[in-house]
Amino acid sequence: MSSTGSADAGLRIGVAHHFGWAVVVTADAAHEVVDRRRIELIEPGVATAPIHHEGADLDDAAVADLLAEVRAWPDDFPTDLATLRRTPYEAQADSVMYREILAADARARGWEVPVFDAKTTEAEAAAVLGSRADDVLHGPRARLGPPWNKDHRIALAATVVAAG
């Protein structure tokens, strides 16, 4: 999953998230990278994957307590613990929490939050950009230097697709 929020009339923020951290790219209306950074999504000592990792060795009561600390779900995702501990939800539950929290924070700032499939966002952006795709999506590495990897490209691609 990647998402983007509008930070300003001409700026867009794209996010490619992972367990406990994310790559965030800010781009202007011409799709030039204005800022890129890795951000931590949780405080030190908070479980990064309460269902998938930490929950495997805990009983239901302990997992429920852990979830109360970090829980946030989209409307169509199951919330009952028995379901969350089963495949395929067990592998997705933690990621869903991060997406929902990022989206809620962006919406609280008044930003629009379109959501994209990280597997297809780069191709969708390339279709929008046409002949400029390689320069826009891969050029920042040459212009800005490392780090510039797949996560950065996905986050930037999300800003392109959101701009339409």
N, C-alpha and C. Protein backbone atom coordinates (compact mmCIF):
# COMPACT_ATOMS: atom_id res chain seq x y z
N MET A 1 0.84 -1.17 0.00
CA MET A 1 0.00 0.00 0.00
C MET A 1 0.88 1.23 0.00
N SER A 2 0.48 2.19 -0.74
CA SER A 2 1.08 3.51 -0.65
C SER A 2 -0.07 4.49 -0.61
N SER A 3 0.17 5.63 -0.09
CA SER A 3 -0.88 6.64 -0.07
C SER A 3 -0.24 7.98 -0.29
N THR A 4 -1.08 8.96 -0.52
CA THR A 4 -0.58 10.30 -0.70
C THR A 4 -1.54 11.27 -0.06
N GLY A 5 -1.02 12.35 0.40
CA GLY A 5 -1.85 13.40 0.96
C GLY A 5 -1.41 14.72 0.38
N SER A 6 -2.33 15.65 0.28
CA SER A 6 -1.99 16.96 -0.24
C SER A 6 -1.57 17.85 0.92
N ALA A 7 -0.30 18.24 0.95
CA ALA A 7 0.21 19.06 2.03
C ALA A 7 0.01 20.54 1.77
N ASP A 8 -0.07 20.91 0.51
CA ASP A 8 -0.17 22.30 0.11
C ASP A 8 -0.76 22.28 -1.29
N ALA A 9 -1.18 23.40 -1.79
CA ALA A 9 -1.80 23.44 -3.11
C ALA A 9 -0.95 22.78 -4.18
N GLY A 10 0.36 22.96 -4.12
CA GLY A 10 1.22 22.41 -5.16
C GLY A 10 2.05 21.22 -4.72
N LEU A 11 1.98 20.83 -3.46
CA LEU A 11 2.80 19.72 -2.97
C LEU A 11 1.96 18.49 -2.67
N ARG A 12 2.57 17.33 -2.88
CA ARG A 12 1.94 16.06 -2.55
C ARG A 12 2.94 15.23 -1.75
N ILE A 13 2.41 14.47 -0.82
CA ILE A 13 3.23 13.60 0.01
C ILE A 13 2.85 12.16 -0.27
N GLY A 14 3.83 11.35 -0.64
CA GLY A 14 3.62 9.93 -0.87
C GLY A 14 4.29 9.13 0.23
N VAL A 15 3.65 8.02 0.63
CA VAL A 15 4.15 7.20 1.73
C VAL A 15 4.22 5.75 1.30
N ALA A 16 5.36 5.12 1.55
CA ALA A 16 5.51 3.67 1.39
C ALA A 16 5.87 3.14 2.77
N HIS A 17 4.96 2.40 3.39
CA HIS A 17 5.15 2.03 4.80
C HIS A 17 5.64 0.59 4.96
N HIS A 18 6.23 0.35 6.11
CA HIS A 18 6.69 -0.96 6.54
C HIS A 18 6.33 -1.11 8.02
N PHE A 19 6.71 -2.20 8.61
CA PHE A 19 6.45 -2.39 10.05
C PHE A 19 7.23 -1.38 10.86
N GLY A 20 6.54 -0.40 11.40
CA GLY A 20 7.16 0.54 12.30
C GLY A 20 7.86 1.73 11.68
N TRP A 21 8.00 1.76 10.36
CA TRP A 21 8.65 2.88 9.69
C TRP A 21 8.08 3.05 8.29
N ALA A 22 8.39 4.19 7.68
CA ALA A 22 7.91 4.47 6.33
C ALA A 22 8.90 5.37 5.61
N VAL A 23 8.86 5.31 4.28
CA VAL A 23 9.58 6.26 3.44
C VAL A 23 8.54 7.28 2.98
N VAL A 24 8.86 8.55 3.16
CA VAL A 24 7.95 9.63 2.80
C VAL A 24 8.65 10.52 1.77
N VAL A 25 7.97 10.77 0.66
CA VAL A 25 8.51 11.63 -0.39
C VAL A 25 7.52 12.77 -0.64
N THR A 26 8.03 13.99 -0.65
CA THR A 26 7.22 15.16 -0.98
C THR A 26 7.66 15.63 -2.36
N ALA A 27 6.67 15.88 -3.23
CA ALA A 27 6.95 16.32 -4.60
C ALA A 27 6.10 17.53 -4.93
N ASP A 28 6.61 18.35 -5.85
CA ASP A 28 5.84 19.52 -6.30
C ASP A 28 4.95 19.14 -7.47
N ALA A 29 4.26 20.12 -8.01
CA ALA A 29 3.31 19.87 -9.10
C ALA A 29 3.97 19.33 -10.36
N ALA A 30 5.27 19.58 -10.54
CA ALA A 30 6.00 19.07 -11.70
C ALA A 30 6.63 17.70 -11.40
N HIS A 31 6.31 17.14 -10.23
CA HIS A 31 6.80 15.83 -9.78
C HIS A 31 8.28 15.83 -9.42
N GLU A 32 8.82 17.02 -9.11
CA GLU A 32 10.20 17.11 -8.62
C GLU A 32 10.18 16.83 -7.12
N VAL A 33 11.13 16.05 -6.66
CA VAL A 33 11.22 15.71 -5.24
C VAL A 33 11.70 16.92 -4.45
N VAL A 34 10.91 17.32 -3.48
CA VAL A 34 11.23 18.44 -2.61
C VAL A 34 11.87 17.93 -1.31
N ASP A 35 11.43 16.75 -0.87
CA ASP A 35 11.95 16.18 0.36
C ASP A 35 11.73 14.67 0.33
N ARG A 36 12.61 13.95 1.00
CA ARG A 36 12.45 12.51 1.17
C ARG A 36 13.06 12.15 2.50
N ARG A 37 12.41 11.24 3.19
CA ARG A 37 12.93 10.84 4.49
C ARG A 37 12.32 9.53 4.95
N ARG A 38 13.00 8.90 5.86
CA ARG A 38 12.47 7.73 6.55
C ARG A 38 11.94 8.23 7.88
N ILE A 39 10.74 7.80 8.23
CA ILE A 39 10.17 8.21 9.51
C ILE A 39 9.81 6.97 10.32
N GLU A 40 9.89 7.11 11.61
CA GLU A 40 9.47 6.05 12.53
C GLU A 40 7.98 6.23 12.76
N LEU A 41 7.24 5.13 12.76
CA LEU A 41 5.79 5.19 12.95
C LEU A 41 5.36 4.85 14.37
N ILE A 42 6.28 4.32 15.13
CA ILE A 42 5.96 3.96 16.51
C ILE A 42 7.06 4.44 17.44
N GLU A 43 6.71 4.55 18.69
CA GLU A 43 7.67 4.96 19.70
C GLU A 43 8.53 3.77 20.11
N PRO A 44 9.73 4.02 20.61
CA PRO A 44 10.57 2.93 21.09
C PRO A 44 9.84 2.11 22.15
N GLY A 45 9.99 0.80 22.06
CA GLY A 45 9.38 -0.09 23.04
C GLY A 45 7.98 -0.57 22.69
N VAL A 46 7.35 0.03 21.65
CA VAL A 46 6.02 -0.40 21.23
C VAL A 46 6.20 -1.52 20.20
N ALA A 47 5.39 -2.54 20.30
CA ALA A 47 5.48 -3.69 19.40
C ALA A 47 5.29 -3.26 17.95
N THR A 48 6.19 -3.67 17.05
CA THR A 48 6.08 -3.30 15.64
C THR A 48 5.06 -4.15 14.90
N ALA A 49 4.87 -5.38 15.31
CA ALA A 49 3.93 -6.28 14.65
C ALA A 49 3.21 -7.10 15.72
N PRO A 50 2.26 -6.48 16.44
CA PRO A 50 1.65 -7.16 17.59
C PRO A 50 0.92 -8.45 17.24
N ILE A 51 0.33 -8.55 16.08
CA ILE A 51 -0.37 -9.78 15.71
C ILE A 51 0.60 -10.79 15.12
N HIS A 52 1.34 -10.40 14.12
CA HIS A 52 2.17 -11.31 13.35
C HIS A 52 3.39 -11.83 14.12
N HIS A 53 4.10 -10.96 14.81
CA HIS A 53 5.32 -11.38 15.50
C HIS A 53 5.07 -11.64 16.98
N GLU A 54 4.79 -10.58 17.73
CA GLU A 54 4.65 -10.72 19.17
C GLU A 54 3.48 -11.61 19.57
N GLY A 55 2.38 -11.55 18.82
CA GLY A 55 1.18 -12.30 19.17
C GLY A 55 1.31 -13.80 19.06
N ALA A 56 2.27 -14.27 18.29
CA ALA A 56 2.42 -15.72 18.11
C ALA A 56 2.72 -16.43 19.41
N ASP A 57 3.40 -15.78 20.32
CA ASP A 57 3.80 -16.42 21.58
C ASP A 57 2.95 -15.99 22.77
N LEU A 58 1.88 -15.26 22.53
CA LEU A 58 1.05 -14.75 23.62
C LEU A 58 -0.33 -15.40 23.60
N ASP A 59 -0.98 -15.44 24.77
CA ASP A 59 -2.35 -15.92 24.80
C ASP A 59 -3.29 -14.80 24.36
N ASP A 60 -4.56 -15.11 24.18
CA ASP A 60 -5.51 -14.13 23.67
C ASP A 60 -5.62 -12.89 24.54
N ALA A 61 -5.60 -13.04 25.84
CA ALA A 61 -5.72 -11.89 26.74
C ALA A 61 -4.52 -10.95 26.57
N ALA A 62 -3.34 -11.51 26.45
CA ALA A 62 -2.14 -10.68 26.28
C ALA A 62 -2.15 -9.97 24.92
N VAL A 63 -2.59 -10.67 23.86
CA VAL A 63 -2.68 -10.03 22.54
C VAL A 63 -3.72 -8.92 22.56
N ALA A 64 -4.84 -9.15 23.22
CA ALA A 64 -5.88 -8.12 23.31
C ALA A 64 -5.34 -6.87 24.02
N ASP A 65 -4.56 -7.05 25.08
CA ASP A 65 -3.96 -5.91 25.77
C ASP A 65 -2.98 -5.17 24.86
N LEU A 66 -2.19 -5.93 24.13
CA LEU A 66 -1.22 -5.34 23.20
C LEU A 66 -1.93 -4.55 22.11
N LEU A 67 -3.01 -5.09 21.58
CA LEU A 67 -3.76 -4.40 20.52
C LEU A 67 -4.42 -3.12 21.02
N ALA A 68 -4.84 -3.12 22.26
CA ALA A 68 -5.47 -1.92 22.81
C ALA A 68 -4.51 -0.73 22.77
N GLU A 69 -3.22 -1.03 22.79
CA GLU A 69 -2.19 0.00 22.76
C GLU A 69 -2.00 0.60 21.36
N VAL A 70 -2.23 -0.19 20.30
CA VAL A 70 -1.89 0.26 18.95
C VAL A 70 -3.02 0.10 17.93
N ARG A 71 -4.21 -0.24 18.34
CA ARG A 71 -5.26 -0.67 17.44
C ARG A 71 -5.91 0.45 16.63
N ALA A 72 -6.08 0.21 15.36
CA ALA A 72 -6.84 1.05 14.43
C ALA A 72 -7.12 0.20 13.20
N TRP A 73 -8.34 0.17 12.71
CA TRP A 73 -8.71 -0.72 11.61
C TRP A 73 -9.55 0.00 10.57
N PRO A 74 -9.42 -0.37 9.30
CA PRO A 74 -10.36 0.14 8.30
C PRO A 74 -11.71 -0.55 8.49
N ASP A 75 -12.75 0.05 7.98
CA ASP A 75 -14.10 -0.46 8.20
C ASP A 75 -14.31 -1.90 7.76
N ASP A 76 -13.67 -2.33 6.68
CA ASP A 76 -13.94 -3.67 6.16
C ASP A 76 -12.97 -4.74 6.66
N PHE A 77 -12.13 -4.41 7.63
CA PHE A 77 -11.17 -5.39 8.14
C PHE A 77 -11.70 -5.97 9.44
N PRO A 78 -11.58 -7.29 9.64
CA PRO A 78 -12.12 -7.90 10.86
C PRO A 78 -11.47 -7.32 12.11
N THR A 79 -12.23 -7.30 13.19
CA THR A 79 -11.71 -6.77 14.44
C THR A 79 -11.64 -7.81 15.54
N ASP A 80 -12.31 -8.93 15.37
CA ASP A 80 -12.29 -9.92 16.44
C ASP A 80 -10.97 -10.68 16.44
N LEU A 81 -10.48 -10.90 17.63
CA LEU A 81 -9.15 -11.48 17.82
C LEU A 81 -9.01 -12.87 17.21
N ALA A 82 -10.04 -13.70 17.32
CA ALA A 82 -9.94 -15.06 16.77
C ALA A 82 -9.69 -15.02 15.26
N THR A 83 -10.35 -14.13 14.55
CA THR A 83 -10.16 -14.00 13.11
C THR A 83 -8.78 -13.43 12.79
N LEU A 84 -8.36 -12.42 13.53
CA LEU A 84 -7.07 -11.79 13.28
C LEU A 84 -5.89 -12.74 13.47
N ARG A 85 -6.07 -13.75 14.27
CA ARG A 85 -4.98 -14.71 14.52
C ARG A 85 -4.92 -15.80 13.45
N ARG A 86 -5.87 -15.78 12.49
CA ARG A 86 -5.89 -16.79 11.42
C ARG A 86 -5.41 -16.18 10.11
N THR A 87 -4.88 -17.05 9.27
CA THR A 87 -4.47 -16.69 7.92
C THR A 87 -5.71 -16.34 7.11
N PRO A 88 -5.73 -15.33 6.28
CA PRO A 88 -4.62 -14.45 5.89
C PRO A 88 -4.52 -13.20 6.74
N TYR A 89 -5.46 -13.00 7.66
CA TYR A 89 -5.50 -11.75 8.42
C TYR A 89 -4.30 -11.57 9.34
N GLU A 90 -3.77 -12.66 9.88
CA GLU A 90 -2.65 -12.59 10.79
C GLU A 90 -1.46 -11.89 10.15
N ALA A 91 -1.23 -12.11 8.88
CA ALA A 91 -0.10 -11.50 8.18
C ALA A 91 -0.39 -10.07 7.72
N GLN A 92 -1.66 -9.67 7.73
CA GLN A 92 -2.05 -8.35 7.23
C GLN A 92 -2.42 -7.37 8.33
N ALA A 93 -2.79 -7.87 9.50
CA ALA A 93 -3.37 -7.03 10.55
C ALA A 93 -2.46 -5.87 10.96
N ASP A 94 -1.20 -6.15 11.15
CA ASP A 94 -0.29 -5.09 11.60
C ASP A 94 -0.13 -4.01 10.54
N SER A 95 -0.02 -4.40 9.30
CA SER A 95 0.10 -3.44 8.20
C SER A 95 -1.15 -2.57 8.10
N VAL A 96 -2.30 -3.17 8.28
CA VAL A 96 -3.56 -2.42 8.23
C VAL A 96 -3.58 -1.35 9.30
N MET A 97 -3.08 -1.68 10.48
CA MET A 97 -3.05 -0.68 11.56
C MET A 97 -2.22 0.53 11.17
N TYR A 98 -1.04 0.29 10.59
CA TYR A 98 -0.19 1.41 10.19
C TYR A 98 -0.86 2.27 9.13
N ARG A 99 -1.46 1.65 8.14
CA ARG A 99 -2.14 2.42 7.08
C ARG A 99 -3.24 3.28 7.64
N GLU A 100 -4.05 2.71 8.52
CA GLU A 100 -5.17 3.45 9.07
C GLU A 100 -4.70 4.63 9.91
N ILE A 101 -3.66 4.44 10.69
CA ILE A 101 -3.14 5.53 11.52
C ILE A 101 -2.55 6.65 10.65
N LEU A 102 -1.78 6.29 9.63
CA LEU A 102 -1.23 7.29 8.71
C LEU A 102 -2.36 8.08 8.04
N ALA A 103 -3.38 7.38 7.58
CA ALA A 103 -4.50 8.04 6.90
C ALA A 103 -5.26 8.95 7.87
N ALA A 104 -5.49 8.49 9.08
CA ALA A 104 -6.21 9.30 10.06
C ALA A 104 -5.44 10.58 10.39
N ASP A 105 -4.12 10.45 10.54
CA ASP A 105 -3.31 11.64 10.82
C ASP A 105 -3.35 12.63 9.65
N ALA A 106 -3.28 12.13 8.44
CA ALA A 106 -3.34 13.01 7.26
C ALA A 106 -4.71 13.69 7.17
N ARG A 107 -5.78 12.93 7.36
CA ARG A 107 -7.13 13.51 7.30
C ARG A 107 -7.34 14.55 8.38
N ALA A 108 -6.75 14.32 9.55
CA ALA A 108 -6.86 15.29 10.64
C ALA A 108 -6.23 16.64 10.26
N ARG A 109 -5.31 16.60 9.33
CA ARG A 109 -4.68 17.83 8.83
C ARG A 109 -5.44 18.41 7.63
N GLY A 110 -6.53 17.77 7.27
CA GLY A 110 -7.32 18.24 6.14
C GLY A 110 -6.82 17.79 4.79
N TRP A 111 -5.95 16.80 4.76
CA TRP A 111 -5.38 16.31 3.51
C TRP A 111 -6.25 15.22 2.91
N GLU A 112 -6.35 15.22 1.60
CA GLU A 112 -7.00 14.15 0.87
C GLU A 112 -6.08 12.93 0.92
N VAL A 113 -6.66 11.73 1.07
CA VAL A 113 -5.83 10.53 1.21
C VAL A 113 -6.28 9.45 0.23
N PRO A 114 -5.85 9.53 -1.03
CA PRO A 114 -6.11 8.42 -1.94
C PRO A 114 -5.18 7.26 -1.58
N VAL A 115 -5.65 6.05 -1.78
CA VAL A 115 -4.87 4.86 -1.45
C VAL A 115 -4.60 4.08 -2.73
N PHE A 116 -3.38 3.57 -2.85
CA PHE A 116 -2.95 2.87 -4.05
C PHE A 116 -2.37 1.51 -3.70
N ASP A 117 -2.35 0.63 -4.66
CA ASP A 117 -1.72 -0.67 -4.51
C ASP A 117 -0.24 -0.51 -4.84
N ALA A 118 0.62 -0.77 -3.88
CA ALA A 118 2.06 -0.58 -4.08
C ALA A 118 2.59 -1.43 -5.22
N LYS A 119 1.92 -2.53 -5.53
CA LYS A 119 2.40 -3.41 -6.60
C LYS A 119 2.19 -2.81 -7.98
N THR A 120 1.22 -1.91 -8.11
CA THR A 120 0.89 -1.37 -9.43
C THR A 120 1.12 0.14 -9.56
N THR A 121 1.40 0.82 -8.47
CA THR A 121 1.50 2.28 -8.48
C THR A 121 2.57 2.81 -9.42
N GLU A 122 3.72 2.16 -9.44
CA GLU A 122 4.80 2.63 -10.31
C GLU A 122 4.39 2.54 -11.79
N ALA A 123 3.76 1.45 -12.18
CA ALA A 123 3.30 1.30 -13.56
C ALA A 123 2.21 2.31 -13.89
N GLU A 124 1.32 2.56 -12.94
CA GLU A 124 0.26 3.55 -13.16
C GLU A 124 0.87 4.95 -13.33
N ALA A 125 1.87 5.26 -12.53
CA ALA A 125 2.53 6.57 -12.65
C ALA A 125 3.25 6.68 -13.99
N ALA A 126 3.89 5.60 -14.41
CA ALA A 126 4.60 5.61 -15.70
C ALA A 126 3.62 5.88 -16.84
N ALA A 127 2.43 5.33 -16.73
CA ALA A 127 1.41 5.57 -17.76
C ALA A 127 1.00 7.05 -17.79
N VAL A 128 0.89 7.65 -16.63
CA VAL A 128 0.54 9.08 -16.54
C VAL A 128 1.68 9.94 -17.09
N LEU A 129 2.90 9.59 -16.76
CA LEU A 129 4.06 10.41 -17.12
C LEU A 129 4.53 10.22 -18.56
N GLY A 130 4.21 9.08 -19.16
CA GLY A 130 4.63 8.82 -20.53
C GLY A 130 6.15 8.82 -20.66
N SER A 131 6.67 9.60 -21.61
CA SER A 131 8.11 9.60 -21.88
C SER A 131 8.94 10.17 -20.74
N ARG A 132 8.32 10.86 -19.79
CA ARG A 132 9.04 11.43 -18.65
C ARG A 132 9.20 10.44 -17.50
N ALA A 133 8.59 9.26 -17.61
CA ALA A 133 8.53 8.32 -16.49
C ALA A 133 9.90 7.98 -15.91
N ASP A 134 10.83 7.61 -16.76
CA ASP A 134 12.14 7.19 -16.25
C ASP A 134 12.84 8.34 -15.52
N ASP A 135 12.80 9.52 -16.10
CA ASP A 135 13.45 10.66 -15.46
C ASP A 135 12.79 11.02 -14.14
N VAL A 136 11.47 11.04 -14.10
CA VAL A 136 10.76 11.42 -12.87
C VAL A 136 10.97 10.37 -11.78
N LEU A 137 10.82 9.09 -12.11
CA LEU A 137 10.85 8.05 -11.09
C LEU A 137 12.25 7.57 -10.72
N HIS A 138 13.19 7.59 -11.66
CA HIS A 138 14.54 7.12 -11.39
C HIS A 138 15.56 8.25 -11.31
N GLY A 139 15.25 9.39 -11.89
CA GLY A 139 16.17 10.53 -11.92
C GLY A 139 16.57 11.07 -10.56
N PRO A 140 15.69 11.06 -9.55
CA PRO A 140 16.10 11.62 -8.26
C PRO A 140 17.34 10.97 -7.65
N ARG A 141 17.59 9.71 -7.95
CA ARG A 141 18.82 9.08 -7.42
C ARG A 141 20.06 9.80 -7.95
N ALA A 142 20.06 10.12 -9.24
CA ALA A 142 21.21 10.83 -9.82
C ALA A 142 21.29 12.27 -9.31
N ARG A 143 20.12 12.92 -9.18
CA ARG A 143 20.10 14.32 -8.77
C ARG A 143 20.35 14.49 -7.27
N LEU A 144 19.77 13.60 -6.47
CA LEU A 144 19.83 13.74 -5.01
C LEU A 144 20.83 12.81 -4.34
N GLY A 145 21.21 11.75 -5.04
CA GLY A 145 22.08 10.74 -4.45
C GLY A 145 21.28 9.75 -3.62
N PRO A 146 21.97 8.74 -3.09
CA PRO A 146 21.28 7.76 -2.28
C PRO A 146 20.85 8.37 -0.95
N PRO A 147 19.87 7.84 -0.29
CA PRO A 147 19.12 6.68 -0.73
C PRO A 147 18.02 7.06 -1.72
N TRP A 148 17.84 6.24 -2.71
CA TRP A 148 16.70 6.32 -3.62
C TRP A 148 16.47 4.90 -4.10
N ASN A 149 15.44 4.26 -3.56
CA ASN A 149 15.18 2.86 -3.87
C ASN A 149 13.71 2.65 -4.25
N LYS A 150 13.29 1.43 -4.29
CA LYS A 150 11.93 1.10 -4.69
C LYS A 150 10.89 1.80 -3.81
N ASP A 151 11.12 1.86 -2.52
CA ASP A 151 10.17 2.54 -1.63
C ASP A 151 10.02 4.01 -2.00
N HIS A 152 11.13 4.67 -2.31
CA HIS A 152 11.08 6.07 -2.71
C HIS A 152 10.30 6.22 -4.02
N ARG A 153 10.57 5.32 -4.97
CA ARG A 153 9.85 5.38 -6.26
C ARG A 153 8.36 5.15 -6.06
N ILE A 154 7.99 4.21 -5.21
CA ILE A 154 6.56 3.94 -4.97
C ILE A 154 5.90 5.15 -4.33
N ALA A 155 6.55 5.75 -3.34
CA ALA A 155 5.98 6.93 -2.69
C ALA A 155 5.84 8.09 -3.68
N LEU A 156 6.86 8.30 -4.52
CA LEU A 156 6.77 9.35 -5.54
C LEU A 156 5.70 9.00 -6.57
N ALA A 157 5.64 7.76 -6.98
CA ALA A 157 4.62 7.33 -7.95
C ALA A 157 3.22 7.59 -7.42
N ALA A 158 3.02 7.39 -6.13
CA ALA A 158 1.69 7.66 -5.54
C ALA A 158 1.31 9.13 -5.69
N THR A 159 2.30 10.03 -5.58
CA THR A 159 1.98 11.45 -5.75
C THR A 159 1.61 11.76 -7.20
N VAL A 160 2.25 11.06 -8.13
CA VAL A 160 1.96 11.26 -9.56
C VAL A 160 0.54 10.79 -9.88
N VAL A 161 0.21 9.60 -9.43
CA VAL A 161 -1.10 9.02 -9.71
C VAL A 161 -2.21 9.85 -9.07
N ALA A 162 -1.96 10.33 -7.85
CA ALA A 162 -2.96 11.16 -7.16
C ALA A 162 -3.21 12.47 -7.89
N ALA A 163 -2.16 13.00 -8.50
CA ALA A 163 -2.30 14.26 -9.24
C ALA A 163 -3.03 14.05 -10.55
N GLY A 164 -3.04 12.79 -11.02
CA GLY A 164 -3.78 12.42 -12.21
C GLY A 164 -3.17 12.82 -13.48
